[in-house]
PDB file of N, CA and C in Angstrom:
ATOM      1  N   MET A   1       0.849  -1.180   0.000  1.00  0.00           N
ATOM      2  CA  MET A   1       0.000   0.000   0.000  1.00  0.00           C
ATOM      3  C   MET A   1       0.888   1.235   0.000  1.00  0.00           C
ATOM      4  N   HIS A   2       0.559   2.200  -0.818  1.00  0.00           N
ATOM      5  CA  HIS A   2       1.359   3.417  -0.960  1.00  0.00           C
ATOM      6  C   HIS A   2       0.657   4.568  -0.242  1.00  0.00           C
ATOM      7  N   HIS A   3       1.383   5.205   0.647  1.00  0.00           N
ATOM      8  CA  HIS A   3       0.809   6.326   1.401  1.00  0.00           C
ATOM      9  C   HIS A   3       1.291   7.636   0.809  1.00  0.00           C
ATOM     10  N   THR A   4       0.405   8.586   0.761  1.00  0.00           N
ATOM     11  CA  THR A   4       0.765   9.919   0.301  1.00  0.00           C
ATOM     12  C   THR A   4       1.117  10.745   1.520  1.00  0.00           C
ATOM     13  N   GLY A   5       2.358  11.152   1.593  1.00  0.00           N
ATOM     14  CA  GLY A   5       2.814  11.923   2.737  1.00  0.00           C
ATOM     15  C   GLY A   5       2.521  13.398   2.575  1.00  0.00           C
ATOM     16  N   PRO A   6       2.784  14.196   3.612  1.00  0.00           N
ATOM     17  CA  PRO A   6       2.521  15.627   3.569  1.00  0.00           C
ATOM     18  C   PRO A   6       3.309  16.340   2.482  1.00  0.00           C
ATOM     19  N   ILE A   7       4.515  15.854   2.176  1.00  0.00           N
ATOM     20  CA  ILE A   7       5.311  16.499   1.126  1.00  0.00           C
ATOM     21  C   ILE A   7       4.672  16.265  -0.231  1.00  0.00           C
ATOM     22  N   SER A   8       4.194  15.053  -0.481  1.00  0.00           N
ATOM     23  CA  SER A   8       3.540  14.746  -1.751  1.00  0.00           C
ATOM     24  C   SER A   8       2.275  15.575  -1.923  1.00  0.00           C
ATOM     25  N   ILE A   9       1.498  15.697  -0.893  1.00  0.00           N
ATOM     26  CA  ILE A   9       0.262  16.484  -0.955  1.00  0.00           C
ATOM     27  C   ILE A   9       0.599  17.949  -1.215  1.00  0.00           C
ATOM     28  N   ALA A  10       1.609  18.471  -0.550  1.00  0.00           N
ATOM     29  CA  ALA A  10       2.011  19.866  -0.758  1.00  0.00           C
ATOM     30  C   ALA A  10       2.495  20.071  -2.195  1.00  0.00           C
ATOM     31  N   LEU A  11       3.250  19.105  -2.723  1.00  0.00           N
ATOM     32  CA  LEU A  11       3.736  19.210  -4.091  1.00  0.00           C
ATOM     33  C   LEU A  11       2.580  19.198  -5.086  1.00  0.00           C
ATOM     34  N   ILE A  12       1.625  18.316  -4.883  1.00  0.00           N
ATOM     35  CA  ILE A  12       0.451  18.258  -5.763  1.00  0.00           C
ATOM     36  C   ILE A  12      -0.319  19.566  -5.697  1.00  0.00           C
ATOM     37  N   ALA A  13      -0.496  20.116  -4.521  1.00  0.00           N
ATOM     38  CA  ALA A  13      -1.212  21.393  -4.371  1.00  0.00           C
ATOM     39  C   ALA A  13      -0.465  22.520  -5.064  1.00  0.00           C
ATOM     40  N   ALA A  14       0.862  22.549  -4.916  1.00  0.00           N
ATOM     41  CA  ALA A  14       1.661  23.611  -5.557  1.00  0.00           C
ATOM     42  C   ALA A  14       1.570  23.521  -7.068  1.00  0.00           C
ATOM     43  N   VAL A  15       1.657  22.313  -7.615  1.00  0.00           N
ATOM     44  CA  VAL A  15       1.548  22.145  -9.069  1.00  0.00           C
ATOM     45  C   VAL A  15       0.172  22.597  -9.533  1.00  0.00           C
ATOM     46  N   GLY A  16      -0.862  22.240  -8.789  1.00  0.00           N
ATOM     47  CA  GLY A  16      -2.214  22.668  -9.148  1.00  0.00           C
ATOM     48  C   GLY A  16      -2.345  24.176  -9.175  1.00  0.00           C
ATOM     49  N   ILE A  17      -1.765  24.854  -8.217  1.00  0.00           N
ATOM     50  CA  ILE A  17      -1.817  26.322  -8.176  1.00  0.00           C
ATOM     51  C   ILE A  17      -1.055  26.913  -9.354  1.00  0.00           C
ATOM     52  N   LEU A  18       0.131  26.377  -9.641  1.00  0.00           N
ATOM     53  CA  LEU A  18       0.923  26.876 -10.770  1.00  0.00           C
ATOM     54  C   LEU A  18       0.211  26.657 -12.090  1.00  0.00           C
ATOM     55  N   LEU A  19      -0.468  25.544 -12.251  1.00  0.00           N
ATOM     56  CA  LEU A  19      -1.176  25.285 -13.496  1.00  0.00           C
ATOM     57  C   LEU A  19      -2.395  26.179 -13.650  1.00  0.00           C
ATOM     58  N   GLN A  20      -2.998  26.570 -12.540  1.00  0.00           N
ATOM     59  CA  GLN A  20      -4.173  27.429 -12.615  1.00  0.00           C
ATOM     60  C   GLN A  20      -3.813  28.859 -12.972  1.00  0.00           C
ATOM     61  N   ALA A  21      -2.655  29.347 -12.580  1.00  0.00           N
ATOM     62  CA  ALA A  21      -2.274  30.740 -12.829  1.00  0.00           C
ATOM     63  C   ALA A  21      -2.228  31.063 -14.324  1.00  0.00           C
ATOM     64  N   PRO A  22      -1.524  30.279 -15.139  1.00  0.00           N
ATOM     65  CA  PRO A  22      -1.510  30.589 -16.563  1.00  0.00           C
ATOM     66  C   PRO A  22      -2.893  30.468 -17.189  1.00  0.00           C
ATOM     67  N   LEU A  23      -3.704  29.523 -16.722  1.00  0.00           N
ATOM     68  CA  LEU A  23      -5.033  29.365 -17.296  1.00  0.00           C
ATOM     69  C   LEU A  23      -5.896  30.583 -17.025  1.00  0.00           C
ATOM     70  N   SER A  24      -5.851  31.121 -15.818  1.00  0.00           N
ATOM     71  CA  SER A  24      -6.682  32.280 -15.529  1.00  0.00           C
ATOM     72  C   SER A  24      -6.204  33.493 -16.322  1.00  0.00           C
ATOM     73  N   ALA A  25      -4.911  33.625 -16.530  1.00  0.00           N
ATOM     74  CA  ALA A  25      -4.403  34.733 -17.332  1.00  0.00           C
ATOM     75  C   ALA A  25      -4.834  34.584 -18.780  1.00  0.00           C
ATOM     76  N   GLN A  26      -4.839  33.349 -19.284  1.00  0.00           N
ATOM     77  CA  GLN A  26      -5.212  33.115 -20.667  1.00  0.00           C
ATOM     78  C   GLN A  26      -6.678  33.423 -20.911  1.00  0.00           C
ATOM     79  N   GLU A  27      -7.508  33.193 -19.913  1.00  0.00           N
ATOM     80  CA  GLU A  27      -8.924  33.429 -20.075  1.00  0.00           C
ATOM     81  C   GLU A  27      -9.233  34.910 -20.287  1.00  0.00           C
ATOM     82  N   ILE A  28      -8.355  35.793 -19.851  1.00  0.00           N
ATOM     83  CA  ILE A  28      -8.639  37.214 -19.974  1.00  0.00           C
ATOM     84  C   ILE A  28      -7.733  37.881 -21.007  1.00  0.00           C
ATOM     85  N   GLY A  29      -7.125  37.085 -21.869  1.00  0.00           N
ATOM     86  CA  GLY A  29      -6.257  37.647 -22.899  1.00  0.00           C
ATOM     87  C   GLY A  29      -7.024  38.565 -23.835  1.00  0.00           C
ATOM     88  N   ASP A  30      -6.376  39.621 -24.263  1.00  0.00           N
ATOM     89  CA  ASP A  30      -6.943  40.604 -25.181  1.00  0.00           C
ATOM     90  C   ASP A  30      -6.366  40.341 -26.572  1.00  0.00           C
ATOM     91  N   ALA A  31      -7.193  39.761 -27.456  1.00  0.00           N
ATOM     92  CA  ALA A  31      -6.726  39.370 -28.789  1.00  0.00           C
ATOM     93  C   ALA A  31      -6.255  40.574 -29.610  1.00  0.00           C
ATOM     94  N   ALA A  32      -6.903  41.717 -29.465  1.00  0.00           N
ATOM     95  CA  ALA A  32      -6.485  42.917 -30.221  1.00  0.00           C
ATOM     96  C   ALA A  32      -5.095  43.369 -29.765  1.00  0.00           C
ATOM     97  N   ARG A  33      -4.863  43.361 -28.475  1.00  0.00           N
ATOM     98  CA  ARG A  33      -3.538  43.707 -27.955  1.00  0.00           C
ATOM     99  C   ARG A  33      -2.518  42.657 -28.383  1.00  0.00           C
ATOM    100  N   GLY A  34      -2.925  41.387 -28.370  1.00  0.00           N
ATOM    101  CA  GLY A  34      -2.046  40.307 -28.805  1.00  0.00           C
ATOM    102  C   GLY A  34      -1.647  40.458 -30.253  1.00  0.00           C
ATOM    103  N   TRP A  35      -2.579  40.879 -31.103  1.00  0.00           N
ATOM    104  CA  TRP A  35      -2.268  41.095 -32.517  1.00  0.00           C
ATOM    105  C   TRP A  35      -1.221  42.204 -32.667  1.00  0.00           C
ATOM    106  N   LYS A  36      -1.389  43.283 -31.923  1.00  0.00           N
ATOM    107  CA  LYS A  36      -0.413  44.379 -31.985  1.00  0.00           C
ATOM    108  C   LYS A  36       0.966  43.912 -31.518  1.00  0.00           C
ATOM    109  N   MET A  37       0.990  43.137 -30.447  1.00  0.00           N
ATOM    110  CA  MET A  37       2.267  42.628 -29.956  1.00  0.00           C
ATOM    111  C   MET A  37       2.900  41.681 -30.976  1.00  0.00           C
ATOM    112  N   ALA A  38       2.090  40.821 -31.582  1.00  0.00           N
ATOM    113  CA  ALA A  38       2.596  39.883 -32.587  1.00  0.00           C
ATOM    114  C   ALA A  38       3.130  40.633 -33.798  1.00  0.00           C
ATOM    115  N   LEU A  39       2.441  41.679 -34.189  1.00  0.00           N
ATOM    116  CA  LEU A  39       2.885  42.489 -35.327  1.00  0.00           C
ATOM    117  C   LEU A  39       4.255  43.083 -35.049  1.00  0.00           C
ATOM    118  N   GLY A  40       4.473  43.548 -33.833  1.00  0.00           N
ATOM    119  CA  GLY A  40       5.744  44.162 -33.478  1.00  0.00           C
ATOM    120  C   GLY A  40       6.859  43.189 -33.139  1.00  0.00           C
ATOM    121  N   ASN A  41       6.512  41.997 -32.655  1.00  0.00           N
ATOM    122  CA  ASN A  41       7.536  41.078 -32.152  1.00  0.00           C
ATOM    123  C   ASN A  41       7.682  39.776 -32.925  1.00  0.00           C
ATOM    124  N   CYS A  42       6.658  39.351 -33.624  1.00  0.00           N
ATOM    125  CA  CYS A  42       6.658  38.003 -34.196  1.00  0.00           C
ATOM    126  C   CYS A  42       6.600  37.977 -35.723  1.00  0.00           C
ATOM    127  N   ALA A  43       6.125  39.067 -36.316  1.00  0.00           N
ATOM    128  CA  ALA A  43       5.854  39.076 -37.758  1.00  0.00           C
ATOM    129  C   ALA A  43       7.110  38.940 -38.612  1.00  0.00           C
ATOM    130  N   GLY A  44       8.279  39.210 -38.052  1.00  0.00           N
ATOM    131  CA  GLY A  44       9.505  39.055 -38.823  1.00  0.00           C
ATOM    132  C   GLY A  44       9.767  37.616 -39.238  1.00  0.00           C
ATOM    133  N   CYS A  45       9.259  36.665 -38.445  1.00  0.00           N
ATOM    134  CA  CYS A  45       9.481  35.245 -38.740  1.00  0.00           C
ATOM    135  C   CYS A  45       8.184  34.476 -39.000  1.00  0.00           C
ATOM    136  N   HIS A  46       7.139  34.834 -38.284  1.00  0.00           N
ATOM    137  CA  HIS A  46       5.853  34.142 -38.420  1.00  0.00           C
ATOM    138  C   HIS A  46       4.907  34.989 -39.259  1.00  0.00           C
ATOM    139  N   GLY A  47       4.124  34.338 -40.115  1.00  0.00           N
ATOM    140  CA  GLY A  47       2.985  35.022 -40.721  1.00  0.00           C
ATOM    141  C   GLY A  47       1.947  35.156 -39.629  1.00  0.00           C
ATOM    142  N   ILE A  48       1.499  36.357 -39.341  1.00  0.00           N
ATOM    143  CA  ILE A  48       0.565  36.516 -38.221  1.00  0.00           C
ATOM    144  C   ILE A  48      -0.861  36.764 -38.672  1.00  0.00           C
ATOM    145  N   ARG A  49      -1.046  36.999 -39.955  1.00  0.00           N
ATOM    146  CA  ARG A  49      -2.407  37.184 -40.463  1.00  0.00           C
ATOM    147  C   ARG A  49      -2.924  35.844 -40.952  1.00  0.00           C
ATOM    148  N   ASN A  50      -4.210  35.753 -41.147  1.00  0.00           N
ATOM    149  CA  ASN A  50      -4.820  34.503 -41.597  1.00  0.00           C
ATOM    150  C   ASN A  50      -4.855  34.444 -43.117  1.00  0.00           C
ATOM    151  N   ASP A  51      -3.752  34.829 -43.769  1.00  0.00           N
ATOM    152  CA  ASP A  51      -3.726  34.861 -45.231  1.00  0.00           C
ATOM    153  C   ASP A  51      -2.768  33.830 -45.827  1.00  0.00           C
ATOM    154  N   GLY A  52      -2.200  32.985 -44.976  1.00  0.00           N
ATOM    155  CA  GLY A  52      -1.319  31.929 -45.455  1.00  0.00           C
ATOM    156  C   GLY A  52       0.094  32.382 -45.773  1.00  0.00           C
ATOM    157  N   LYS A  53       0.375  33.681 -45.710  1.00  0.00           N
ATOM    158  CA  LYS A  53       1.707  34.185 -46.037  1.00  0.00           C
ATOM    159  C   LYS A  53       2.621  34.083 -44.817  1.00  0.00           C
ATOM    160  N   SER A  54       3.835  33.637 -45.056  1.00  0.00           N
ATOM    161  CA  SER A  54       4.801  33.492 -43.977  1.00  0.00           C
ATOM    162  C   SER A  54       6.194  33.569 -44.558  1.00  0.00           C
ATOM    163  N   SER A  55       7.129  33.908 -43.709  1.00  0.00           N
ATOM    164  CA  SER A  55       8.519  33.788 -44.130  1.00  0.00           C
ATOM    165  C   SER A  55       8.856  32.304 -44.069  1.00  0.00           C
ATOM    166  N   SER A  56       9.971  31.945 -44.589  1.00  0.00           N
ATOM    167  CA  SER A  56      10.363  30.537 -44.538  1.00  0.00           C
ATOM    168  C   SER A  56      10.966  30.170 -43.179  1.00  0.00           C
ATOM    169  N   LEU A  57      11.041  31.121 -42.269  1.00  0.00           N
ATOM    170  CA  LEU A  57      11.676  30.877 -40.977  1.00  0.00           C
ATOM    171  C   LEU A  57      10.795  30.135 -39.982  1.00  0.00           C
ATOM    172  N   ALA A  58       9.491  30.341 -40.039  1.00  0.00           N
ATOM    173  CA  ALA A  58       8.614  29.797 -38.999  1.00  0.00           C
ATOM    174  C   ALA A  58       7.205  29.598 -39.548  1.00  0.00           C
ATOM    175  N   PRO A  59       6.438  28.711 -38.925  1.00  0.00           N
ATOM    176  CA  PRO A  59       5.053  28.496 -39.377  1.00  0.00           C
ATOM    177  C   PRO A  59       4.186  29.723 -39.107  1.00  0.00           C
ATOM    178  N   THR A  60       3.130  29.846 -39.877  1.00  0.00           N
ATOM    179  CA  THR A  60       2.195  30.950 -39.648  1.00  0.00           C
ATOM    180  C   THR A  60       1.459  30.728 -38.331  1.00  0.00           C
ATOM    181  N   PHE A  61       0.974  31.802 -37.751  1.00  0.00           N
ATOM    182  CA  PHE A  61       0.173  31.667 -36.538  1.00  0.00           C
ATOM    183  C   PHE A  61      -1.108  30.891 -36.843  1.00  0.00           C
ATOM    184  N   SER A  62      -1.645  31.039 -38.054  1.00  0.00           N
ATOM    185  CA  SER A  62      -2.829  30.288 -38.440  1.00  0.00           C
ATOM    186  C   SER A  62      -2.538  28.787 -38.446  1.00  0.00           C
ATOM    187  N   ALA A  63      -1.383  28.405 -38.995  1.00  0.00           N
ATOM    188  CA  ALA A  63      -0.998  26.983 -38.994  1.00  0.00           C
ATOM    189  C   ALA A  63      -0.833  26.480 -37.571  1.00  0.00           C
ATOM    190  N   ILE A  64      -0.243  27.294 -36.718  1.00  0.00           N
ATOM    191  CA  ILE A  64      -0.055  26.903 -35.313  1.00  0.00           C
ATOM    192  C   ILE A  64      -1.414  26.747 -34.633  1.00  0.00           C
ATOM    193  N   ALA A  65      -2.298  27.706 -34.840  1.00  0.00           N
ATOM    194  CA  ALA A  65      -3.623  27.670 -34.212  1.00  0.00           C
ATOM    195  C   ALA A  65      -4.409  26.441 -34.628  1.00  0.00           C
ATOM    196  N   ASN A  66      -4.181  25.973 -35.850  1.00  0.00           N
ATOM    197  CA  ASN A  66      -4.975  24.878 -36.389  1.00  0.00           C
ATOM    198  C   ASN A  66      -4.319  23.506 -36.276  1.00  0.00           C
ATOM    199  N   VAL A  67      -3.243  23.412 -35.502  1.00  0.00           N
ATOM    200  CA  VAL A  67      -2.673  22.106 -35.190  1.00  0.00           C
ATOM    201  C   VAL A  67      -3.711  21.362 -34.354  1.00  0.00           C
ATOM    202  N   LYS A  68      -3.947  20.103 -34.702  1.00  0.00           N
ATOM    203  CA  LYS A  68      -4.943  19.318 -33.974  1.00  0.00           C
ATOM    204  C   LYS A  68      -4.628  19.332 -32.478  1.00  0.00           C
ATOM    205  N   GLY A  69      -5.629  19.653 -31.672  1.00  0.00           N
ATOM    206  CA  GLY A  69      -5.475  19.672 -30.226  1.00  0.00           C
ATOM    207  C   GLY A  69      -4.849  20.938 -29.664  1.00  0.00           C
ATOM    208  N   MET A  70      -4.567  21.933 -30.523  1.00  0.00           N
ATOM    209  CA  MET A  70      -3.950  23.171 -30.023  1.00  0.00           C
ATOM    210  C   MET A  70      -4.901  23.841 -29.042  1.00  0.00           C
ATOM    211  N   SER A  71      -4.334  24.283 -27.938  1.00  0.00           N
ATOM    212  CA  SER A  71      -5.129  24.917 -26.883  1.00  0.00           C
ATOM    213  C   SER A  71      -4.334  26.063 -26.280  1.00  0.00           C
ATOM    214  N   ALA A  72      -4.996  26.835 -25.450  1.00  0.00           N
ATOM    215  CA  ALA A  72      -4.319  27.921 -24.747  1.00  0.00           C
ATOM    216  C   ALA A  72      -3.203  27.366 -23.873  1.00  0.00           C
ATOM    217  N   MET A  73      -3.442  26.236 -23.234  1.00  0.00           N
ATOM    218  CA  MET A  73      -2.416  25.650 -22.374  1.00  0.00           C
ATOM    219  C   MET A  73      -1.202  25.220 -23.200  1.00  0.00           C
ATOM    220  N   ALA A  74      -1.430  24.596 -24.350  1.00  0.00           N
ATOM    221  CA  ALA A  74      -0.315  24.160 -25.196  1.00  0.00           C
ATOM    222  C   ALA A  74       0.478  25.364 -25.700  1.00  0.00           C
ATOM    223  N   LEU A  75      -0.216  26.427 -26.078  1.00  0.00           N
ATOM    224  CA  LEU A  75       0.476  27.632 -26.541  1.00  0.00           C
ATOM    225  C   LEU A  75       1.280  28.267 -25.408  1.00  0.00           C
ATOM    226  N   ASN A  76       0.728  28.256 -24.207  1.00  0.00           N
ATOM    227  CA  ASN A  76       1.442  28.813 -23.063  1.00  0.00           C
ATOM    228  C   ASN A  76       2.742  28.044 -22.819  1.00  0.00           C
ATOM    229  N   VAL A  77       2.660  26.726 -22.876  1.00  0.00           N
ATOM    230  CA  VAL A  77       3.853  25.903 -22.690  1.00  0.00           C
ATOM    231  C   VAL A  77       4.863  26.214 -23.792  1.00  0.00           C
ATOM    232  N   ALA A  78       4.379  26.327 -25.026  1.00  0.00           N
ATOM    233  CA  ALA A  78       5.278  26.620 -26.154  1.00  0.00           C
ATOM    234  C   ALA A  78       5.974  27.967 -25.974  1.00  0.00           C
ATOM    235  N   LEU A  79       5.235  28.962 -25.499  1.00  0.00           N
ATOM    236  CA  LEU A  79       5.824  30.289 -25.318  1.00  0.00           C
ATOM    237  C   LEU A  79       6.787  30.340 -24.131  1.00  0.00           C
ATOM    238  N   LEU A  80       6.663  29.406 -23.228  1.00  0.00           N
ATOM    239  CA  LEU A  80       7.570  29.352 -22.079  1.00  0.00           C
ATOM    240  C   LEU A  80       8.796  28.481 -22.348  1.00  0.00           C
ATOM    241  N   SER A  81       8.770  27.743 -23.450  1.00  0.00           N
ATOM    242  CA  SER A  81       9.862  26.834 -23.788  1.00  0.00           C
ATOM    243  C   SER A  81      10.795  27.484 -24.789  1.00  0.00           C
ATOM    244  N   SER A  82      12.077  27.248 -24.629  1.00  0.00           N
ATOM    245  CA  SER A  82      13.013  27.790 -25.612  1.00  0.00           C
ATOM    246  C   SER A  82      13.035  26.878 -26.838  1.00  0.00           C
ATOM    247  N   HIS A  83      13.238  27.485 -27.986  1.00  0.00           N
ATOM    248  CA  HIS A  83      13.326  26.771 -29.257  1.00  0.00           C
ATOM    249  C   HIS A  83      14.659  27.137 -29.883  1.00  0.00           C
ATOM    250  N   ARG A  84      15.328  26.180 -30.475  1.00  0.00           N
ATOM    251  CA  ARG A  84      16.654  26.494 -31.005  1.00  0.00           C
ATOM    252  C   ARG A  84      16.600  27.469 -32.166  1.00  0.00           C
ATOM    253  N   SER A  85      15.505  27.522 -32.904  1.00  0.00           N
ATOM    254  CA  SER A  85      15.446  28.446 -34.036  1.00  0.00           C
ATOM    255  C   SER A  85      14.644  29.709 -33.725  1.00  0.00           C
ATOM    256  N   MET A  86      14.207  29.869 -32.493  1.00  0.00           N
ATOM    257  CA  MET A  86      13.402  31.042 -32.119  1.00  0.00           C
ATOM    258  C   MET A  86      14.159  31.854 -31.081  1.00  0.00           C
ATOM    259  N   PRO A  87      14.153  33.182 -31.230  1.00  0.00           N
ATOM    260  CA  PRO A  87      14.813  34.009 -30.210  1.00  0.00           C
ATOM    261  C   PRO A  87      14.166  33.769 -28.848  1.00  0.00           C
ATOM    262  N   ASN A  88      14.920  33.925 -27.809  1.00  0.00           N
ATOM    263  CA  ASN A  88      14.420  33.705 -26.464  1.00  0.00           C
ATOM    264  C   ASN A  88      13.708  34.969 -25.984  1.00  0.00           C
ATOM    265  N   ILE A  89      12.475  35.130 -26.410  1.00  0.00           N
ATOM    266  CA  ILE A  89      11.670  36.301 -26.058  1.00  0.00           C
ATOM    267  C   ILE A  89      10.975  36.007 -24.733  1.00  0.00           C
ATOM    268  N   VAL A  90      11.149  36.896 -23.762  1.00  0.00           N
ATOM    269  CA  VAL A  90      10.538  36.709 -22.449  1.00  0.00           C
ATOM    270  C   VAL A  90       9.284  37.582 -22.388  1.00  0.00           C
ATOM    271  N   LEU A  91       8.152  36.926 -22.195  1.00  0.00           N
ATOM    272  CA  LEU A  91       6.871  37.618 -22.099  1.00  0.00           C
ATOM    273  C   LEU A  91       6.292  37.415 -20.707  1.00  0.00           C
ATOM    274  N   ASN A  92       5.696  38.456 -20.159  1.00  0.00           N
ATOM    275  CA  ASN A  92       5.020  38.268 -18.873  1.00  0.00           C
ATOM    276  C   ASN A  92       3.706  37.526 -19.118  1.00  0.00           C
ATOM    277  N   ALA A  93       3.044  37.105 -18.048  1.00  0.00           N
ATOM    278  CA  ALA A  93       1.838  36.281 -18.160  1.00  0.00           C
ATOM    279  C   ALA A  93       0.746  36.970 -18.972  1.00  0.00           C
ATOM    280  N   GLN A  94       0.554  38.276 -18.786  1.00  0.00           N
ATOM    281  CA  GLN A  94      -0.504  38.971 -19.518  1.00  0.00           C
ATOM    282  C   GLN A  94      -0.174  39.070 -21.000  1.00  0.00           C
ATOM    283  N   ASP A  95       1.085  39.370 -21.341  1.00  0.00           N
ATOM    284  CA  ASP A  95       1.482  39.434 -22.749  1.00  0.00           C
ATOM    285  C   ASP A  95       1.292  38.077 -23.420  1.00  0.00           C
ATOM    286  N   ARG A  96       1.673  36.993 -22.721  1.00  0.00           N
ATOM    287  CA  ARG A  96       1.452  35.648 -23.271  1.00  0.00           C
ATOM    288  C   ARG A  96      -0.033  35.405 -23.476  1.00  0.00           C
ATOM    289  N   ALA A  97      -0.849  35.772 -22.499  1.00  0.00           N
ATOM    290  CA  ALA A  97      -2.293  35.571 -22.598  1.00  0.00           C
ATOM    291  C   ALA A  97      -2.862  36.330 -23.795  1.00  0.00           C
ATOM    292  N   ASP A  98      -2.379  37.542 -24.025  1.00  0.00           N
ATOM    293  CA  ASP A  98      -2.871  38.345 -25.147  1.00  0.00           C
ATOM    294  C   ASP A  98      -2.484  37.727 -26.490  1.00  0.00           C
ATOM    295  N   ILE A  99      -1.235  37.301 -26.615  1.00  0.00           N
ATOM    296  CA  ILE A  99      -0.790  36.683 -27.871  1.00  0.00           C
ATOM    297  C   ILE A  99      -1.520  35.360 -28.093  1.00  0.00           C
ATOM    298  N   ILE A 100      -1.702  34.593 -27.034  1.00  0.00           N
ATOM    299  CA  ILE A 100      -2.434  33.332 -27.144  1.00  0.00           C
ATOM    300  C   ILE A 100      -3.873  33.594 -27.579  1.00  0.00           C
ATOM    301  N   ALA A 101      -4.511  34.594 -26.986  1.00  0.00           N
ATOM    302  CA  ALA A 101      -5.886  34.930 -27.375  1.00  0.00           C
ATOM    303  C   ALA A 101      -5.948  35.281 -28.855  1.00  0.00           C
ATOM    304  N   PHE A 102      -4.966  36.044 -29.347  1.00  0.00           N
ATOM    305  CA  PHE A 102      -4.937  36.375 -30.768  1.00  0.00           C
ATOM    306  C   PHE A 102      -4.753  35.128 -31.624  1.00  0.00           C
ATOM    307  N   ILE A 103      -3.773  34.298 -31.284  1.00  0.00           N
ATOM    308  CA  ILE A 103      -3.520  33.090 -32.084  1.00  0.00           C
ATOM    309  C   ILE A 103      -4.774  32.228 -32.157  1.00  0.00           C
ATOM    310  N   LEU A 104      -5.483  32.087 -31.051  1.00  0.00           N
ATOM    311  CA  LEU A 104      -6.670  31.247 -31.041  1.00  0.00           C
ATOM    312  C   LEU A 104      -7.818  31.814 -31.868  1.00  0.00           C
ATOM    313  N   THR A 105      -7.787  33.120 -32.168  1.00  0.00           N
ATOM    314  CA  THR A 105      -8.817  33.682 -33.062  1.00  0.00           C
ATOM    315  C   THR A 105      -8.628  33.172 -34.482  1.00  0.00           C
ATOM    316  N   LEU A 106      -7.446  32.636 -34.792  1.00  0.00           N
ATOM    317  CA  LEU A 106      -7.146  32.143 -36.144  1.00  0.00           C
ATOM    318  C   LEU A 106      -7.557  30.680 -36.328  1.00  0.00           C
ATOM    319  N   LYS A 107      -8.053  30.074 -35.284  1.00  0.00           N
ATOM    320  CA  LYS A 107      -8.484  28.668 -35.347  1.00  0.00           C
ATOM    321  C   LYS A 107      -9.716  28.576 -36.242  1.00  0.00           C
ATOM    322  N   THR A 108      -9.692  27.648 -37.185  1.00  0.00           N
ATOM    323  CA  THR A 108     -10.813  27.530 -38.118  1.00  0.00           C
ATOM    324  C   THR A 108     -11.690  26.310 -37.874  1.00  0.00           C
ATOM    325  N   ASP A 109     -11.249  25.374 -37.041  1.00  0.00           N
ATOM    326  CA  ASP A 109     -12.080  24.177 -36.822  1.00  0.00           C
ATOM    327  C   ASP A 109     -12.735  24.169 -35.485  1.00  0.00           C
TER     328      ASP A 109
END
């Protein structure tokens, strides 16, 4: 029989709190502000409009939005993870929420 000790319970609670913080920020993202931020910070490599145009450096935001199973949580994880071909852009929680809200407006399915 496996017992859950106080440390395990505290760890589970902490992870739950950390996972809830990005979700609540994402729920209040401002897509219009996210579009402006994407235009200024992301458009050099990503196509940010829903017109299929992109540089050869990175997928369009529309393509990203329409990946099967794409969600606000998946986008948040992606924006928090470093990519070898992407500059290490540091965004605060609200900026991430805004960009995520914009990207999700491009979802077609």
